[in-house]
């Protein structure tokens, strides 16, 4: 399940929640520390481990800057 990062205005802390996509889309989330509902989403990074180049018979790792290395 995806992890989402939020900032809680009520307790002034960053919180990380593991939610299904359906739970996230419903938007009925609460701060696990104080129960507050005033959560602002934070920008997060993500990583893609491996991408396969179709038709070339080789694998390439996708670098952090979106560059293919073979």
N, C-alpha and C. Protein backbone atom coordinates (compact mmCIF):
# COMPACT_ATOMS: atom_id res chain seq x y z
N UNK A 1 0.84 -1.18 0.00
CA UNK A 1 0.00 0.00 0.00
C UNK A 1 0.89 1.25 0.00
N UNK A 2 0.43 2.29 -0.65
CA UNK A 2 1.20 3.53 -0.71
C UNK A 2 1.28 4.23 0.65
N UNK A 3 2.38 4.95 0.83
CA UNK A 3 2.55 5.77 2.03
C UNK A 3 2.36 7.22 1.62
N UNK A 4 1.61 7.95 2.44
CA UNK A 4 1.33 9.36 2.17
C UNK A 4 1.85 10.18 3.34
N UNK A 5 2.45 11.32 3.03
CA UNK A 5 2.98 12.21 4.05
C UNK A 5 2.11 13.46 4.13
N UNK A 6 1.79 13.84 5.36
CA UNK A 6 0.95 15.01 5.61
C UNK A 6 1.57 15.86 6.71
N UNK A 7 1.11 17.11 6.77
CA UNK A 7 1.44 17.99 7.88
C UNK A 7 0.15 18.28 8.62
N UNK A 8 0.14 18.02 9.92
CA UNK A 8 -1.05 18.25 10.73
C UNK A 8 -0.98 19.65 11.31
N UNK A 9 -1.96 20.49 10.98
CA UNK A 9 -2.01 21.86 11.49
C UNK A 9 -2.36 21.89 12.98
N UNK A 10 -3.05 20.89 13.44
CA UNK A 10 -3.49 20.87 14.85
C UNK A 10 -2.34 20.57 15.81
N UNK A 11 -1.51 19.58 15.50
CA UNK A 11 -0.41 19.25 16.41
C UNK A 11 0.96 19.69 15.88
N UNK A 12 0.97 20.39 14.73
CA UNK A 12 2.21 20.93 14.14
C UNK A 12 3.29 19.88 13.94
N UNK A 13 2.90 18.75 13.33
CA UNK A 13 3.85 17.68 13.07
C UNK A 13 3.63 17.07 11.69
N UNK A 14 4.69 16.48 11.16
CA UNK A 14 4.57 15.69 9.94
C UNK A 14 4.16 14.28 10.33
N UNK A 15 3.23 13.72 9.59
CA UNK A 15 2.79 12.35 9.84
C UNK A 15 2.83 11.57 8.53
N UNK A 16 3.11 10.28 8.63
CA UNK A 16 3.13 9.38 7.49
C UNK A 16 2.04 8.35 7.69
N UNK A 17 1.17 8.21 6.69
CA UNK A 17 0.07 7.27 6.76
C UNK A 17 0.18 6.25 5.63
N UNK A 18 -0.08 5.00 5.95
CA UNK A 18 -0.15 3.95 4.94
C UNK A 18 -1.62 3.71 4.64
N UNK A 19 -2.03 4.09 3.44
CA UNK A 19 -3.44 4.03 3.06
C UNK A 19 -3.59 3.31 1.73
N UNK A 20 -4.72 2.64 1.57
CA UNK A 20 -5.04 2.12 0.24
C UNK A 20 -5.39 3.32 -0.65
N UNK A 21 -5.35 3.13 -1.94
CA UNK A 21 -5.68 4.22 -2.85
C UNK A 21 -7.13 4.66 -2.63
N UNK A 22 -8.03 3.71 -2.38
CA UNK A 22 -9.43 4.03 -2.12
C UNK A 22 -9.60 4.87 -0.88
N UNK A 23 -8.89 4.54 0.21
CA UNK A 23 -8.96 5.33 1.44
C UNK A 23 -8.46 6.74 1.20
N UNK A 24 -7.36 6.84 0.45
CA UNK A 24 -6.79 8.16 0.15
C UNK A 24 -7.76 9.01 -0.67
N UNK A 25 -8.41 8.40 -1.67
CA UNK A 25 -9.33 9.14 -2.53
C UNK A 25 -10.58 9.60 -1.79
N UNK A 26 -11.02 8.84 -0.78
CA UNK A 26 -12.19 9.25 0.00
C UNK A 26 -11.91 10.51 0.80
N UNK A 27 -10.66 10.70 1.20
CA UNK A 27 -10.27 11.92 1.89
C UNK A 27 -10.68 12.01 3.35
N UNK A 28 -11.16 10.93 3.92
CA UNK A 28 -11.57 10.94 5.32
C UNK A 28 -10.42 10.44 6.20
N UNK A 29 -9.39 11.24 6.28
CA UNK A 29 -8.22 10.83 7.05
C UNK A 29 -8.06 11.70 8.29
N UNK A 30 -7.43 11.11 9.29
CA UNK A 30 -7.19 11.82 10.54
C UNK A 30 -5.74 11.65 10.95
N UNK A 31 -5.25 12.60 11.72
CA UNK A 31 -3.91 12.52 12.28
C UNK A 31 -3.89 11.39 13.31
N UNK A 32 -2.94 10.46 13.20
CA UNK A 32 -2.88 9.36 14.16
C UNK A 32 -2.44 9.80 15.55
N UNK A 33 -1.89 10.99 15.68
CA UNK A 33 -1.41 11.47 16.98
C UNK A 33 -2.48 12.22 17.75
N UNK A 34 -3.18 13.16 17.07
CA UNK A 34 -4.13 14.01 17.79
C UNK A 34 -5.57 13.82 17.33
N UNK A 35 -5.79 13.10 16.23
CA UNK A 35 -7.14 12.90 15.71
C UNK A 35 -7.64 14.05 14.86
N UNK A 36 -6.78 15.05 14.62
CA UNK A 36 -7.17 16.20 13.82
C UNK A 36 -7.44 15.84 12.37
N UNK A 37 -8.32 16.60 11.75
CA UNK A 37 -8.68 16.34 10.35
C UNK A 37 -8.10 17.39 9.40
N UNK A 38 -7.34 18.32 9.93
CA UNK A 38 -6.75 19.37 9.11
C UNK A 38 -5.34 18.95 8.70
N UNK A 39 -5.27 18.06 7.72
CA UNK A 39 -3.99 17.55 7.22
C UNK A 39 -3.71 18.11 5.83
N UNK A 40 -2.50 18.61 5.66
CA UNK A 40 -2.09 19.11 4.35
C UNK A 40 -1.09 18.13 3.75
N UNK A 41 -1.29 17.73 2.49
CA UNK A 41 -0.36 16.79 1.86
C UNK A 41 1.01 17.43 1.63
N UNK A 42 2.05 16.64 1.85
CA UNK A 42 3.41 17.07 1.57
C UNK A 42 3.89 16.40 0.29
N UNK A 43 4.79 17.04 -0.42
CA UNK A 43 5.36 16.44 -1.62
C UNK A 43 6.36 15.38 -1.21
N UNK A 44 6.26 14.22 -1.83
CA UNK A 44 7.15 13.11 -1.53
C UNK A 44 7.90 12.71 -2.79
N UNK A 45 8.99 11.99 -2.60
CA UNK A 45 9.72 11.44 -3.73
C UNK A 45 9.36 9.97 -3.89
N UNK A 46 9.65 9.41 -5.05
CA UNK A 46 9.44 8.00 -5.24
C UNK A 46 10.60 7.46 -6.07
N UNK A 47 10.75 6.15 -6.04
CA UNK A 47 11.85 5.50 -6.74
C UNK A 47 11.29 4.41 -7.63
N UNK A 48 11.82 4.34 -8.83
CA UNK A 48 11.50 3.24 -9.74
C UNK A 48 12.76 2.40 -9.84
N UNK A 49 12.68 1.14 -9.44
CA UNK A 49 13.88 0.30 -9.36
C UNK A 49 14.42 -0.12 -10.72
N UNK A 50 13.59 -0.78 -11.53
CA UNK A 50 14.10 -1.34 -12.78
C UNK A 50 13.06 -1.16 -13.88
N UNK A 51 13.52 -0.82 -15.05
CA UNK A 51 12.65 -0.75 -16.23
C UNK A 51 13.25 -1.67 -17.28
N UNK A 52 12.42 -2.42 -17.97
CA UNK A 52 12.92 -3.32 -19.01
C UNK A 52 12.68 -2.68 -20.37
N UNK A 53 13.70 -2.68 -21.18
CA UNK A 53 13.60 -2.15 -22.54
C UNK A 53 13.05 -3.27 -23.41
N UNK A 54 11.84 -3.11 -23.89
CA UNK A 54 11.17 -4.14 -24.66
C UNK A 54 11.75 -4.20 -26.07
N UNK A 55 12.01 -5.41 -26.54
CA UNK A 55 12.50 -5.60 -27.90
C UNK A 55 14.01 -5.55 -28.05
N UNK A 56 14.73 -5.16 -27.00
CA UNK A 56 16.18 -5.08 -27.09
C UNK A 56 16.86 -6.20 -26.30
N UNK A 57 16.09 -6.98 -25.54
CA UNK A 57 16.66 -8.10 -24.82
C UNK A 57 17.62 -7.73 -23.72
N UNK A 58 17.55 -6.53 -23.21
CA UNK A 58 18.43 -6.13 -22.12
C UNK A 58 17.64 -5.36 -21.08
N UNK A 59 18.15 -5.32 -19.90
CA UNK A 59 17.50 -4.61 -18.80
C UNK A 59 18.30 -3.34 -18.51
N UNK A 60 17.61 -2.34 -18.07
CA UNK A 60 18.29 -1.09 -17.72
C UNK A 60 17.75 -0.58 -16.40
N UNK A 61 18.61 -0.12 -15.56
CA UNK A 61 18.19 0.47 -14.29
C UNK A 61 17.93 1.95 -14.52
N UNK A 62 16.82 2.42 -14.02
CA UNK A 62 16.47 3.82 -14.17
C UNK A 62 17.13 4.60 -13.05
N UNK A 63 17.98 5.52 -13.41
CA UNK A 63 18.70 6.33 -12.41
C UNK A 63 17.80 7.36 -11.76
N UNK A 64 18.30 8.00 -10.72
CA UNK A 64 17.53 8.97 -9.94
C UNK A 64 17.10 10.16 -10.78
N UNK A 65 17.83 10.48 -11.84
CA UNK A 65 17.49 11.64 -12.66
C UNK A 65 16.75 11.24 -13.92
N UNK A 66 16.25 10.01 -13.98
CA UNK A 66 15.49 9.57 -15.13
C UNK A 66 16.35 9.16 -16.31
N UNK A 67 17.62 8.84 -16.07
CA UNK A 67 18.54 8.44 -17.12
C UNK A 67 18.65 6.93 -17.10
N UNK A 68 18.59 6.29 -18.26
CA UNK A 68 18.75 4.85 -18.35
C UNK A 68 20.22 4.49 -18.36
N UNK A 69 20.57 3.51 -17.55
CA UNK A 69 21.93 2.94 -17.54
C UNK A 69 21.82 1.48 -17.94
N UNK A 70 22.64 1.03 -18.85
CA UNK A 70 22.56 -0.38 -19.25
C UNK A 70 23.84 -1.10 -18.92
